[in-house]
Amino acid sequence: DVPGDRPAVMVGDGLIGFLTQDAMI
């Protein structure tokens, strides 16, 4: 649902600790 043909900036504030390593990668 997100257009992929435009430049993108993404943030994950406090997110990474709650994803498994495999899911994060």
PDBML (XML) file of the C-alpha atoms, coordinates in Angstrom:
<?xml version="1.0" encoding="UTF-8" ?>
<PDBx:datablock datablockName="MODEL"
   xmlns:PDBx="http://pdbml.pdb.org/schema/pdbx-v50.xsd"
   xmlns:xsi="http://www.w3.org/2001/XMLSchema-instance"
   xsi:schemaLocation="http://pdbml.pdb.org/schema/pdbx-v50.xsd pdbx-v50.xsd">
   <PDBx:atom_siteCategory>
      <PDBx:atom_site id="1">
         <PDBx:B_iso_or_equiv>0.00</PDBx:B_iso_or_equiv>
         <PDBx:Cartn_x>0.000</PDBx:Cartn_x>
         <PDBx:Cartn_y>0.000</PDBx:Cartn_y>
         <PDBx:Cartn_z>0.000</PDBx:Cartn_z>
         <PDBx:auth_asym_id>A</PDBx:auth_asym_id>
         <PDBx:auth_atom_id>CA</PDBx:auth_atom_id>
         <PDBx:auth_comp_id>ASP</PDBx:auth_comp_id>
         <PDBx:auth_seq_id>1</PDBx:auth_seq_id>
         <PDBx:group_PDB>ATOM</PDBx:group_PDB>
         <PDBx:label_alt_id xsi:nil="true" />
         <PDBx:label_asym_id>A</PDBx:label_asym_id>
         <PDBx:label_atom_id>CA</PDBx:label_atom_id>
         <PDBx:label_comp_id>ASP</PDBx:label_comp_id>
         <PDBx:label_entity_id>1</PDBx:label_entity_id>
         <PDBx:label_seq_id>1</PDBx:label_seq_id>
         <PDBx:occupancy>1.00</PDBx:occupancy>
         <PDBx:pdbx_PDB_model_num>1</PDBx:pdbx_PDB_model_num>
         <PDBx:type_symbol>C</PDBx:type_symbol>
      </PDBx:atom_site>
      <PDBx:atom_site id="2">
         <PDBx:B_iso_or_equiv>0.00</PDBx:B_iso_or_equiv>
         <PDBx:Cartn_x>3.064</PDBx:Cartn_x>
         <PDBx:Cartn_y>2.273</PDBx:Cartn_y>
         <PDBx:Cartn_z>-0.042</PDBx:Cartn_z>
         <PDBx:auth_asym_id>A</PDBx:auth_asym_id>
         <PDBx:auth_atom_id>CA</PDBx:auth_atom_id>
         <PDBx:auth_comp_id>VAL</PDBx:auth_comp_id>
         <PDBx:auth_seq_id>2</PDBx:auth_seq_id>
         <PDBx:group_PDB>ATOM</PDBx:group_PDB>
         <PDBx:label_alt_id xsi:nil="true" />
         <PDBx:label_asym_id>A</PDBx:label_asym_id>
         <PDBx:label_atom_id>CA</PDBx:label_atom_id>
         <PDBx:label_comp_id>VAL</PDBx:label_comp_id>
         <PDBx:label_entity_id>1</PDBx:label_entity_id>
         <PDBx:label_seq_id>2</PDBx:label_seq_id>
         <PDBx:occupancy>1.00</PDBx:occupancy>
         <PDBx:pdbx_PDB_model_num>1</PDBx:pdbx_PDB_model_num>
         <PDBx:type_symbol>C</PDBx:type_symbol>
      </PDBx:atom_site>
      <PDBx:atom_site id="3">
         <PDBx:B_iso_or_equiv>0.00</PDBx:B_iso_or_equiv>
         <PDBx:Cartn_x>4.418</PDBx:Cartn_x>
         <PDBx:Cartn_y>3.754</PDBx:Cartn_y>
         <PDBx:Cartn_z>-3.296</PDBx:Cartn_z>
         <PDBx:auth_asym_id>A</PDBx:auth_asym_id>
         <PDBx:auth_atom_id>CA</PDBx:auth_atom_id>
         <PDBx:auth_comp_id>PRO</PDBx:auth_comp_id>
         <PDBx:auth_seq_id>3</PDBx:auth_seq_id>
         <PDBx:group_PDB>ATOM</PDBx:group_PDB>
         <PDBx:label_alt_id xsi:nil="true" />
         <PDBx:label_asym_id>A</PDBx:label_asym_id>
         <PDBx:label_atom_id>CA</PDBx:label_atom_id>
         <PDBx:label_comp_id>PRO</PDBx:label_comp_id>
         <PDBx:label_entity_id>1</PDBx:label_entity_id>
         <PDBx:label_seq_id>3</PDBx:label_seq_id>
         <PDBx:occupancy>1.00</PDBx:occupancy>
         <PDBx:pdbx_PDB_model_num>1</PDBx:pdbx_PDB_model_num>
         <PDBx:type_symbol>C</PDBx:type_symbol>
      </PDBx:atom_site>
      <PDBx:atom_site id="4">
         <PDBx:B_iso_or_equiv>0.00</PDBx:B_iso_or_equiv>
         <PDBx:Cartn_x>7.904</PDBx:Cartn_x>
         <PDBx:Cartn_y>2.398</PDBx:Cartn_y>
         <PDBx:Cartn_z>-3.949</PDBx:Cartn_z>
         <PDBx:auth_asym_id>A</PDBx:auth_asym_id>
         <PDBx:auth_atom_id>CA</PDBx:auth_atom_id>
         <PDBx:auth_comp_id>GLY</PDBx:auth_comp_id>
         <PDBx:auth_seq_id>4</PDBx:auth_seq_id>
         <PDBx:group_PDB>ATOM</PDBx:group_PDB>
         <PDBx:label_alt_id xsi:nil="true" />
         <PDBx:label_asym_id>A</PDBx:label_asym_id>
         <PDBx:label_atom_id>CA</PDBx:label_atom_id>
         <PDBx:label_comp_id>GLY</PDBx:label_comp_id>
         <PDBx:label_entity_id>1</PDBx:label_entity_id>
         <PDBx:label_seq_id>4</PDBx:label_seq_id>
         <PDBx:occupancy>1.00</PDBx:occupancy>
         <PDBx:pdbx_PDB_model_num>1</PDBx:pdbx_PDB_model_num>
         <PDBx:type_symbol>C</PDBx:type_symbol>
      </PDBx:atom_site>
      <PDBx:atom_site id="5">
         <PDBx:B_iso_or_equiv>0.00</PDBx:B_iso_or_equiv>
         <PDBx:Cartn_x>8.936</PDBx:Cartn_x>
         <PDBx:Cartn_y>4.763</PDBx:Cartn_y>
         <PDBx:Cartn_z>-6.754</PDBx:Cartn_z>
         <PDBx:auth_asym_id>A</PDBx:auth_asym_id>
         <PDBx:auth_atom_id>CA</PDBx:auth_atom_id>
         <PDBx:auth_comp_id>ASP</PDBx:auth_comp_id>
         <PDBx:auth_seq_id>5</PDBx:auth_seq_id>
         <PDBx:group_PDB>ATOM</PDBx:group_PDB>
         <PDBx:label_alt_id xsi:nil="true" />
         <PDBx:label_asym_id>A</PDBx:label_asym_id>
         <PDBx:label_atom_id>CA</PDBx:label_atom_id>
         <PDBx:label_comp_id>ASP</PDBx:label_comp_id>
         <PDBx:label_entity_id>1</PDBx:label_entity_id>
         <PDBx:label_seq_id>5</PDBx:label_seq_id>
         <PDBx:occupancy>1.00</PDBx:occupancy>
         <PDBx:pdbx_PDB_model_num>1</PDBx:pdbx_PDB_model_num>
         <PDBx:type_symbol>C</PDBx:type_symbol>
      </PDBx:atom_site>
      <PDBx:atom_site id="6">
         <PDBx:B_iso_or_equiv>0.00</PDBx:B_iso_or_equiv>
         <PDBx:Cartn_x>9.627</PDBx:Cartn_x>
         <PDBx:Cartn_y>7.769</PDBx:Cartn_y>
         <PDBx:Cartn_z>-4.531</PDBx:Cartn_z>
         <PDBx:auth_asym_id>A</PDBx:auth_asym_id>
         <PDBx:auth_atom_id>CA</PDBx:auth_atom_id>
         <PDBx:auth_comp_id>ARG</PDBx:auth_comp_id>
         <PDBx:auth_seq_id>6</PDBx:auth_seq_id>
         <PDBx:group_PDB>ATOM</PDBx:group_PDB>
         <PDBx:label_alt_id xsi:nil="true" />
         <PDBx:label_asym_id>A</PDBx:label_asym_id>
         <PDBx:label_atom_id>CA</PDBx:label_atom_id>
         <PDBx:label_comp_id>ARG</PDBx:label_comp_id>
         <PDBx:label_entity_id>1</PDBx:label_entity_id>
         <PDBx:label_seq_id>6</PDBx:label_seq_id>
         <PDBx:occupancy>1.00</PDBx:occupancy>
         <PDBx:pdbx_PDB_model_num>1</PDBx:pdbx_PDB_model_num>
         <PDBx:type_symbol>C</PDBx:type_symbol>
      </PDBx:atom_site>
      <PDBx:atom_site id="7">
         <PDBx:B_iso_or_equiv>0.00</PDBx:B_iso_or_equiv>
         <PDBx:Cartn_x>12.507</PDBx:Cartn_x>
         <PDBx:Cartn_y>8.544</PDBx:Cartn_y>
         <PDBx:Cartn_z>-2.158</PDBx:Cartn_z>
         <PDBx:auth_asym_id>A</PDBx:auth_asym_id>
         <PDBx:auth_atom_id>CA</PDBx:auth_atom_id>
         <PDBx:auth_comp_id>PRO</PDBx:auth_comp_id>
         <PDBx:auth_seq_id>7</PDBx:auth_seq_id>
         <PDBx:group_PDB>ATOM</PDBx:group_PDB>
         <PDBx:label_alt_id xsi:nil="true" />
         <PDBx:label_asym_id>A</PDBx:label_asym_id>
         <PDBx:label_atom_id>CA</PDBx:label_atom_id>
         <PDBx:label_comp_id>PRO</PDBx:label_comp_id>
         <PDBx:label_entity_id>1</PDBx:label_entity_id>
         <PDBx:label_seq_id>7</PDBx:label_seq_id>
         <PDBx:occupancy>1.00</PDBx:occupancy>
         <PDBx:pdbx_PDB_model_num>1</PDBx:pdbx_PDB_model_num>
         <PDBx:type_symbol>C</PDBx:type_symbol>
      </PDBx:atom_site>
      <PDBx:atom_site id="8">
         <PDBx:B_iso_or_equiv>0.00</PDBx:B_iso_or_equiv>
         <PDBx:Cartn_x>11.746</PDBx:Cartn_x>
         <PDBx:Cartn_y>7.368</PDBx:Cartn_y>
         <PDBx:Cartn_z>1.360</PDBx:Cartn_z>
         <PDBx:auth_asym_id>A</PDBx:auth_asym_id>
         <PDBx:auth_atom_id>CA</PDBx:auth_atom_id>
         <PDBx:auth_comp_id>ALA</PDBx:auth_comp_id>
         <PDBx:auth_seq_id>8</PDBx:auth_seq_id>
         <PDBx:group_PDB>ATOM</PDBx:group_PDB>
         <PDBx:label_alt_id xsi:nil="true" />
         <PDBx:label_asym_id>A</PDBx:label_asym_id>
         <PDBx:label_atom_id>CA</PDBx:label_atom_id>
         <PDBx:label_comp_id>ALA</PDBx:label_comp_id>
         <PDBx:label_entity_id>1</PDBx:label_entity_id>
         <PDBx:label_seq_id>8</PDBx:label_seq_id>
         <PDBx:occupancy>1.00</PDBx:occupancy>
         <PDBx:pdbx_PDB_model_num>1</PDBx:pdbx_PDB_model_num>
         <PDBx:type_symbol>C</PDBx:type_symbol>
      </PDBx:atom_site>
      <PDBx:atom_site id="9">
         <PDBx:B_iso_or_equiv>0.00</PDBx:B_iso_or_equiv>
         <PDBx:Cartn_x>12.825</PDBx:Cartn_x>
         <PDBx:Cartn_y>8.164</PDBx:Cartn_y>
         <PDBx:Cartn_z>4.891</PDBx:Cartn_z>
         <PDBx:auth_asym_id>A</PDBx:auth_asym_id>
         <PDBx:auth_atom_id>CA</PDBx:auth_atom_id>
         <PDBx:auth_comp_id>VAL</PDBx:auth_comp_id>
         <PDBx:auth_seq_id>9</PDBx:auth_seq_id>
         <PDBx:group_PDB>ATOM</PDBx:group_PDB>
         <PDBx:label_alt_id xsi:nil="true" />
         <PDBx:label_asym_id>A</PDBx:label_asym_id>
         <PDBx:label_atom_id>CA</PDBx:label_atom_id>
         <PDBx:label_comp_id>VAL</PDBx:label_comp_id>
         <PDBx:label_entity_id>1</PDBx:label_entity_id>
         <PDBx:label_seq_id>9</PDBx:label_seq_id>
         <PDBx:occupancy>1.00</PDBx:occupancy>
         <PDBx:pdbx_PDB_model_num>1</PDBx:pdbx_PDB_model_num>
         <PDBx:type_symbol>C</PDBx:type_symbol>
      </PDBx:atom_site>
      <PDBx:atom_site id="10">
         <PDBx:B_iso_or_equiv>0.00</PDBx:B_iso_or_equiv>
         <PDBx:Cartn_x>11.908</PDBx:Cartn_x>
         <PDBx:Cartn_y>5.762</PDBx:Cartn_y>
         <PDBx:Cartn_z>7.686</PDBx:Cartn_z>
         <PDBx:auth_asym_id>A</PDBx:auth_asym_id>
         <PDBx:auth_atom_id>CA</PDBx:auth_atom_id>
         <PDBx:auth_comp_id>MET</PDBx:auth_comp_id>
         <PDBx:auth_seq_id>10</PDBx:auth_seq_id>
         <PDBx:group_PDB>ATOM</PDBx:group_PDB>
         <PDBx:label_alt_id xsi:nil="true" />
         <PDBx:label_asym_id>A</PDBx:label_asym_id>
         <PDBx:label_atom_id>CA</PDBx:label_atom_id>
         <PDBx:label_comp_id>MET</PDBx:label_comp_id>
         <PDBx:label_entity_id>1</PDBx:label_entity_id>
         <PDBx:label_seq_id>10</PDBx:label_seq_id>
         <PDBx:occupancy>1.00</PDBx:occupancy>
         <PDBx:pdbx_PDB_model_num>1</PDBx:pdbx_PDB_model_num>
         <PDBx:type_symbol>C</PDBx:type_symbol>
      </PDBx:atom_site>
      <PDBx:atom_site id="11">
         <PDBx:B_iso_or_equiv>0.00</PDBx:B_iso_or_equiv>
         <PDBx:Cartn_x>12.216</PDBx:Cartn_x>
         <PDBx:Cartn_y>5.956</PDBx:Cartn_y>
         <PDBx:Cartn_z>11.442</PDBx:Cartn_z>
         <PDBx:auth_asym_id>A</PDBx:auth_asym_id>
         <PDBx:auth_atom_id>CA</PDBx:auth_atom_id>
         <PDBx:auth_comp_id>VAL</PDBx:auth_comp_id>
         <PDBx:auth_seq_id>11</PDBx:auth_seq_id>
         <PDBx:group_PDB>ATOM</PDBx:group_PDB>
         <PDBx:label_alt_id xsi:nil="true" />
         <PDBx:label_asym_id>A</PDBx:label_asym_id>
         <PDBx:label_atom_id>CA</PDBx:label_atom_id>
         <PDBx:label_comp_id>VAL</PDBx:label_comp_id>
         <PDBx:label_entity_id>1</PDBx:label_entity_id>
         <PDBx:label_seq_id>11</PDBx:label_seq_id>
         <PDBx:occupancy>1.00</PDBx:occupancy>
         <PDBx:pdbx_PDB_model_num>1</PDBx:pdbx_PDB_model_num>
         <PDBx:type_symbol>C</PDBx:type_symbol>
      </PDBx:atom_site>
      <PDBx:atom_site id="12">
         <PDBx:B_iso_or_equiv>0.00</PDBx:B_iso_or_equiv>
         <PDBx:Cartn_x>11.808</PDBx:Cartn_x>
         <PDBx:Cartn_y>3.310</PDBx:Cartn_y>
         <PDBx:Cartn_z>14.130</PDBx:Cartn_z>
         <PDBx:auth_asym_id>A</PDBx:auth_asym_id>
         <PDBx:auth_atom_id>CA</PDBx:auth_atom_id>
         <PDBx:auth_comp_id>GLY</PDBx:auth_comp_id>
         <PDBx:auth_seq_id>12</PDBx:auth_seq_id>
         <PDBx:group_PDB>ATOM</PDBx:group_PDB>
         <PDBx:label_alt_id xsi:nil="true" />
         <PDBx:label_asym_id>A</PDBx:label_asym_id>
         <PDBx:label_atom_id>CA</PDBx:label_atom_id>
         <PDBx:label_comp_id>GLY</PDBx:label_comp_id>
         <PDBx:label_entity_id>1</PDBx:label_entity_id>
         <PDBx:label_seq_id>12</PDBx:label_seq_id>
         <PDBx:occupancy>1.00</PDBx:occupancy>
         <PDBx:pdbx_PDB_model_num>1</PDBx:pdbx_PDB_model_num>
         <PDBx:type_symbol>C</PDBx:type_symbol>
      </PDBx:atom_site>
      <PDBx:atom_site id="13">
         <PDBx:B_iso_or_equiv>0.00</PDBx:B_iso_or_equiv>
         <PDBx:Cartn_x>11.739</PDBx:Cartn_x>
         <PDBx:Cartn_y>5.016</PDBx:Cartn_y>
         <PDBx:Cartn_z>17.512</PDBx:Cartn_z>
         <PDBx:auth_asym_id>A</PDBx:auth_asym_id>
         <PDBx:auth_atom_id>CA</PDBx:auth_atom_id>
         <PDBx:auth_comp_id>ASP</PDBx:auth_comp_id>
         <PDBx:auth_seq_id>13</PDBx:auth_seq_id>
         <PDBx:group_PDB>ATOM</PDBx:group_PDB>
         <PDBx:label_alt_id xsi:nil="true" />
         <PDBx:label_asym_id>A</PDBx:label_asym_id>
         <PDBx:label_atom_id>CA</PDBx:label_atom_id>
         <PDBx:label_comp_id>ASP</PDBx:label_comp_id>
         <PDBx:label_entity_id>1</PDBx:label_entity_id>
         <PDBx:label_seq_id>13</PDBx:label_seq_id>
         <PDBx:occupancy>1.00</PDBx:occupancy>
         <PDBx:pdbx_PDB_model_num>1</PDBx:pdbx_PDB_model_num>
         <PDBx:type_symbol>C</PDBx:type_symbol>
      </PDBx:atom_site>
      <PDBx:atom_site id="14">
         <PDBx:B_iso_or_equiv>0.00</PDBx:B_iso_or_equiv>
         <PDBx:Cartn_x>11.932</PDBx:Cartn_x>
         <PDBx:Cartn_y>2.356</PDBx:Cartn_y>
         <PDBx:Cartn_z>20.219</PDBx:Cartn_z>
         <PDBx:auth_asym_id>A</PDBx:auth_asym_id>
         <PDBx:auth_atom_id>CA</PDBx:auth_atom_id>
         <PDBx:auth_comp_id>GLY</PDBx:auth_comp_id>
         <PDBx:auth_seq_id>14</PDBx:auth_seq_id>
         <PDBx:group_PDB>ATOM</PDBx:group_PDB>
         <PDBx:label_alt_id xsi:nil="true" />
         <PDBx:label_asym_id>A</PDBx:label_asym_id>
         <PDBx:label_atom_id>CA</PDBx:label_atom_id>
         <PDBx:label_comp_id>GLY</PDBx:label_comp_id>
         <PDBx:label_entity_id>1</PDBx:label_entity_id>
         <PDBx:label_seq_id>14</PDBx:label_seq_id>
         <PDBx:occupancy>1.00</PDBx:occupancy>
         <PDBx:pdbx_PDB_model_num>1</PDBx:pdbx_PDB_model_num>
         <PDBx:type_symbol>C</PDBx:type_symbol>
      </PDBx:atom_site>
      <PDBx:atom_site id="15">
         <PDBx:B_iso_or_equiv>0.00</PDBx:B_iso_or_equiv>
         <PDBx:Cartn_x>11.011</PDBx:Cartn_x>
         <PDBx:Cartn_y>-0.378</PDBx:Cartn_y>
         <PDBx:Cartn_z>17.748</PDBx:Cartn_z>
         <PDBx:auth_asym_id>A</PDBx:auth_asym_id>
         <PDBx:auth_atom_id>CA</PDBx:auth_atom_id>
         <PDBx:auth_comp_id>LEU</PDBx:auth_comp_id>
         <PDBx:auth_seq_id>15</PDBx:auth_seq_id>
         <PDBx:group_PDB>ATOM</PDBx:group_PDB>
         <PDBx:label_alt_id xsi:nil="true" />
         <PDBx:label_asym_id>A</PDBx:label_asym_id>
         <PDBx:label_atom_id>CA</PDBx:label_atom_id>
         <PDBx:label_comp_id>LEU</PDBx:label_comp_id>
         <PDBx:label_entity_id>1</PDBx:label_entity_id>
         <PDBx:label_seq_id>15</PDBx:label_seq_id>
         <PDBx:occupancy>1.00</PDBx:occupancy>
         <PDBx:pdbx_PDB_model_num>1</PDBx:pdbx_PDB_model_num>
         <PDBx:type_symbol>C</PDBx:type_symbol>
      </PDBx:atom_site>
      <PDBx:atom_site id="16">
         <PDBx:B_iso_or_equiv>0.00</PDBx:B_iso_or_equiv>
         <PDBx:Cartn_x>14.121</PDBx:Cartn_x>
         <PDBx:Cartn_y>-2.489</PDBx:Cartn_y>
         <PDBx:Cartn_z>17.235</PDBx:Cartn_z>
         <PDBx:auth_asym_id>A</PDBx:auth_asym_id>
         <PDBx:auth_atom_id>CA</PDBx:auth_atom_id>
         <PDBx:auth_comp_id>ILE</PDBx:auth_comp_id>
         <PDBx:auth_seq_id>16</PDBx:auth_seq_id>
         <PDBx:group_PDB>ATOM</PDBx:group_PDB>
         <PDBx:label_alt_id xsi:nil="true" />
         <PDBx:label_asym_id>A</PDBx:label_asym_id>
         <PDBx:label_atom_id>CA</PDBx:label_atom_id>
         <PDBx:label_comp_id>ILE</PDBx:label_comp_id>
         <PDBx:label_entity_id>1</PDBx:label_entity_id>
         <PDBx:label_seq_id>16</PDBx:label_seq_id>
         <PDBx:occupancy>1.00</PDBx:occupancy>
         <PDBx:pdbx_PDB_model_num>1</PDBx:pdbx_PDB_model_num>
         <PDBx:type_symbol>C</PDBx:type_symbol>
      </PDBx:atom_site>
      <PDBx:atom_site id="17">
         <PDBx:B_iso_or_equiv>0.00</PDBx:B_iso_or_equiv>
         <PDBx:Cartn_x>14.283</PDBx:Cartn_x>
         <PDBx:Cartn_y>-3.984</PDBx:Cartn_y>
         <PDBx:Cartn_z>20.720</PDBx:Cartn_z>
         <PDBx:auth_asym_id>A</PDBx:auth_asym_id>
         <PDBx:auth_atom_id>CA</PDBx:auth_atom_id>
         <PDBx:auth_comp_id>GLY</PDBx:auth_comp_id>
         <PDBx:auth_seq_id>17</PDBx:auth_seq_id>
         <PDBx:group_PDB>ATOM</PDBx:group_PDB>
         <PDBx:label_alt_id xsi:nil="true" />
         <PDBx:label_asym_id>A</PDBx:label_asym_id>
         <PDBx:label_atom_id>CA</PDBx:label_atom_id>
         <PDBx:label_comp_id>GLY</PDBx:label_comp_id>
         <PDBx:label_entity_id>1</PDBx:label_entity_id>
         <PDBx:label_seq_id>17</PDBx:label_seq_id>
         <PDBx:occupancy>1.00</PDBx:occupancy>
         <PDBx:pdbx_PDB_model_num>1</PDBx:pdbx_PDB_model_num>
         <PDBx:type_symbol>C</PDBx:type_symbol>
      </PDBx:atom_site>
      <PDBx:atom_site id="18">
         <PDBx:B_iso_or_equiv>0.00</PDBx:B_iso_or_equiv>
         <PDBx:Cartn_x>10.854</PDBx:Cartn_x>
         <PDBx:Cartn_y>-5.536</PDBx:Cartn_y>
         <PDBx:Cartn_z>20.195</PDBx:Cartn_z>
         <PDBx:auth_asym_id>A</PDBx:auth_asym_id>
         <PDBx:auth_atom_id>CA</PDBx:auth_atom_id>
         <PDBx:auth_comp_id>PHE</PDBx:auth_comp_id>
         <PDBx:auth_seq_id>18</PDBx:auth_seq_id>
         <PDBx:group_PDB>ATOM</PDBx:group_PDB>
         <PDBx:label_alt_id xsi:nil="true" />
         <PDBx:label_asym_id>A</PDBx:label_asym_id>
         <PDBx:label_atom_id>CA</PDBx:label_atom_id>
         <PDBx:label_comp_id>PHE</PDBx:label_comp_id>
         <PDBx:label_entity_id>1</PDBx:label_entity_id>
         <PDBx:label_seq_id>18</PDBx:label_seq_id>
         <PDBx:occupancy>1.00</PDBx:occupancy>
         <PDBx:pdbx_PDB_model_num>1</PDBx:pdbx_PDB_model_num>
         <PDBx:type_symbol>C</PDBx:type_symbol>
      </PDBx:atom_site>
      <PDBx:atom_site id="19">
         <PDBx:B_iso_or_equiv>0.00</PDBx:B_iso_or_equiv>
         <PDBx:Cartn_x>11.675</PDBx:Cartn_x>
         <PDBx:Cartn_y>-7.335</PDBx:Cartn_y>
         <PDBx:Cartn_z>16.928</PDBx:Cartn_z>
         <PDBx:auth_asym_id>A</PDBx:auth_asym_id>
         <PDBx:auth_atom_id>CA</PDBx:auth_atom_id>
         <PDBx:auth_comp_id>LEU</PDBx:auth_comp_id>
         <PDBx:auth_seq_id>19</PDBx:auth_seq_id>
         <PDBx:group_PDB>ATOM</PDBx:group_PDB>
         <PDBx:label_alt_id xsi:nil="true" />
         <PDBx:label_asym_id>A</PDBx:label_asym_id>
         <PDBx:label_atom_id>CA</PDBx:label_atom_id>
         <PDBx:label_comp_id>LEU</PDBx:label_comp_id>
         <PDBx:label_entity_id>1</PDBx:label_entity_id>
         <PDBx:label_seq_id>19</PDBx:label_seq_id>
         <PDBx:occupancy>1.00</PDBx:occupancy>
         <PDBx:pdbx_PDB_model_num>1</PDBx:pdbx_PDB_model_num>
         <PDBx:type_symbol>C</PDBx:type_symbol>
      </PDBx:atom_site>
      <PDBx:atom_site id="20">
         <PDBx:B_iso_or_equiv>0.00</PDBx:B_iso_or_equiv>
         <PDBx:Cartn_x>13.563</PDBx:Cartn_x>
         <PDBx:Cartn_y>-10.605</PDBx:Cartn_y>
         <PDBx:Cartn_z>16.749</PDBx:Cartn_z>
         <PDBx:auth_asym_id>A</PDBx:auth_asym_id>
         <PDBx:auth_atom_id>CA</PDBx:auth_atom_id>
         <PDBx:auth_comp_id>THR</PDBx:auth_comp_id>
         <PDBx:auth_seq_id>20</PDBx:auth_seq_id>
         <PDBx:group_PDB>ATOM</PDBx:group_PDB>
         <PDBx:label_alt_id xsi:nil="true" />
         <PDBx:label_asym_id>A</PDBx:label_asym_id>
         <PDBx:label_atom_id>CA</PDBx:label_atom_id>
         <PDBx:label_comp_id>THR</PDBx:label_comp_id>
         <PDBx:label_entity_id>1</PDBx:label_entity_id>
         <PDBx:label_seq_id>20</PDBx:label_seq_id>
         <PDBx:occupancy>1.00</PDBx:occupancy>
         <PDBx:pdbx_PDB_model_num>1</PDBx:pdbx_PDB_model_num>
         <PDBx:type_symbol>C</PDBx:type_symbol>
      </PDBx:atom_site>
      <PDBx:atom_site id="21">
         <PDBx:B_iso_or_equiv>0.00</PDBx:B_iso_or_equiv>
         <PDBx:Cartn_x>16.877</PDBx:Cartn_x>
         <PDBx:Cartn_y>-10.293</PDBx:Cartn_y>
         <PDBx:Cartn_z>14.977</PDBx:Cartn_z>
         <PDBx:auth_asym_id>A</PDBx:auth_asym_id>
         <PDBx:auth_atom_id>CA</PDBx:auth_atom_id>
         <PDBx:auth_comp_id>GLN</PDBx:auth_comp_id>
         <PDBx:auth_seq_id>21</PDBx:auth_seq_id>
         <PDBx:group_PDB>ATOM</PDBx:group_PDB>
         <PDBx:label_alt_id xsi:nil="true" />
         <PDBx:label_asym_id>A</PDBx:label_asym_id>
         <PDBx:label_atom_id>CA</PDBx:label_atom_id>
         <PDBx:label_comp_id>GLN</PDBx:label_comp_id>
         <PDBx:label_entity_id>1</PDBx:label_entity_id>
         <PDBx:label_seq_id>21</PDBx:label_seq_id>
         <PDBx:occupancy>1.00</PDBx:occupancy>
         <PDBx:pdbx_PDB_model_num>1</PDBx:pdbx_PDB_model_num>
         <PDBx:type_symbol>C</PDBx:type_symbol>
      </PDBx:atom_site>
      <PDBx:atom_site id="22">
         <PDBx:B_iso_or_equiv>0.00</PDBx:B_iso_or_equiv>
         <PDBx:Cartn_x>15.620</PDBx:Cartn_x>
         <PDBx:Cartn_y>-12.298</PDBx:Cartn_y>
         <PDBx:Cartn_z>11.986</PDBx:Cartn_z>
         <PDBx:auth_asym_id>A</PDBx:auth_asym_id>
         <PDBx:auth_atom_id>CA</PDBx:auth_atom_id>
         <PDBx:auth_comp_id>ASP</PDBx:auth_comp_id>
         <PDBx:auth_seq_id>22</PDBx:auth_seq_id>
         <PDBx:group_PDB>ATOM</PDBx:group_PDB>
         <PDBx:label_alt_id xsi:nil="true" />
         <PDBx:label_asym_id>A</PDBx:label_asym_id>
         <PDBx:label_atom_id>CA</PDBx:label_atom_id>
         <PDBx:label_comp_id>ASP</PDBx:label_comp_id>
         <PDBx:label_entity_id>1</PDBx:label_entity_id>
         <PDBx:label_seq_id>22</PDBx:label_seq_id>
         <PDBx:occupancy>1.00</PDBx:occupancy>
         <PDBx:pdbx_PDB_model_num>1</PDBx:pdbx_PDB_model_num>
         <PDBx:type_symbol>C</PDBx:type_symbol>
      </PDBx:atom_site>
      <PDBx:atom_site id="23">
         <PDBx:B_iso_or_equiv>0.00</PDBx:B_iso_or_equiv>
         <PDBx:Cartn_x>12.472</PDBx:Cartn_x>
         <PDBx:Cartn_y>-10.153</PDBx:Cartn_y>
         <PDBx:Cartn_z>11.732</PDBx:Cartn_z>
         <PDBx:auth_asym_id>A</PDBx:auth_asym_id>
         <PDBx:auth_atom_id>CA</PDBx:auth_atom_id>
         <PDBx:auth_comp_id>ALA</PDBx:auth_comp_id>
         <PDBx:auth_seq_id>23</PDBx:auth_seq_id>
         <PDBx:group_PDB>ATOM</PDBx:group_PDB>
         <PDBx:label_alt_id xsi:nil="true" />
         <PDBx:label_asym_id>A</PDBx:label_asym_id>
         <PDBx:label_atom_id>CA</PDBx:label_atom_id>
         <PDBx:label_comp_id>ALA</PDBx:label_comp_id>
         <PDBx:label_entity_id>1</PDBx:label_entity_id>
         <PDBx:label_seq_id>23</PDBx:label_seq_id>
         <PDBx:occupancy>1.00</PDBx:occupancy>
         <PDBx:pdbx_PDB_model_num>1</PDBx:pdbx_PDB_model_num>
         <PDBx:type_symbol>C</PDBx:type_symbol>
      </PDBx:atom_site>
      <PDBx:atom_site id="24">
         <PDBx:B_iso_or_equiv>0.00</PDBx:B_iso_or_equiv>
         <PDBx:Cartn_x>14.515</PDBx:Cartn_x>
         <PDBx:Cartn_y>-6.948</PDBx:Cartn_y>
         <PDBx:Cartn_z>11.954</PDBx:Cartn_z>
         <PDBx:auth_asym_id>A</PDBx:auth_asym_id>
         <PDBx:auth_atom_id>CA</PDBx:auth_atom_id>
         <PDBx:auth_comp_id>MET</PDBx:auth_comp_id>
         <PDBx:auth_seq_id>24</PDBx:auth_seq_id>
         <PDBx:group_PDB>ATOM</PDBx:group_PDB>
         <PDBx:label_alt_id xsi:nil="true" />
         <PDBx:label_asym_id>A</PDBx:label_asym_id>
         <PDBx:label_atom_id>CA</PDBx:label_atom_id>
         <PDBx:label_comp_id>MET</PDBx:label_comp_id>
         <PDBx:label_entity_id>1</PDBx:label_entity_id>
         <PDBx:label_seq_id>24</PDBx:label_seq_id>
         <PDBx:occupancy>1.00</PDBx:occupancy>
         <PDBx:pdbx_PDB_model_num>1</PDBx:pdbx_PDB_model_num>
         <PDBx:type_symbol>C</PDBx:type_symbol>
      </PDBx:atom_site>
      <PDBx:atom_site id="25">
         <PDBx:B_iso_or_equiv>0.00</PDBx:B_iso_or_equiv>
         <PDBx:Cartn_x>16.894</PDBx:Cartn_x>
         <PDBx:Cartn_y>-8.046</PDBx:Cartn_y>
         <PDBx:Cartn_z>9.197</PDBx:Cartn_z>
         <PDBx:auth_asym_id>A</PDBx:auth_asym_id>
         <PDBx:auth_atom_id>CA</PDBx:auth_atom_id>
         <PDBx:auth_comp_id>ILE</PDBx:auth_comp_id>
         <PDBx:auth_seq_id>25</PDBx:auth_seq_id>
         <PDBx:group_PDB>ATOM</PDBx:group_PDB>
         <PDBx:label_alt_id xsi:nil="true" />
         <PDBx:label_asym_id>A</PDBx:label_asym_id>
         <PDBx:label_atom_id>CA</PDBx:label_atom_id>
         <PDBx:label_comp_id>ILE</PDBx:label_comp_id>
         <PDBx:label_entity_id>1</PDBx:label_entity_id>
         <PDBx:label_seq_id>25</PDBx:label_seq_id>
         <PDBx:occupancy>1.00</PDBx:occupancy>
         <PDBx:pdbx_PDB_model_num>1</PDBx:pdbx_PDB_model_num>
         <PDBx:type_symbol>C</PDBx:type_symbol>
      </PDBx:atom_site>
   </PDBx:atom_siteCategory>
</PDBx:datablock>
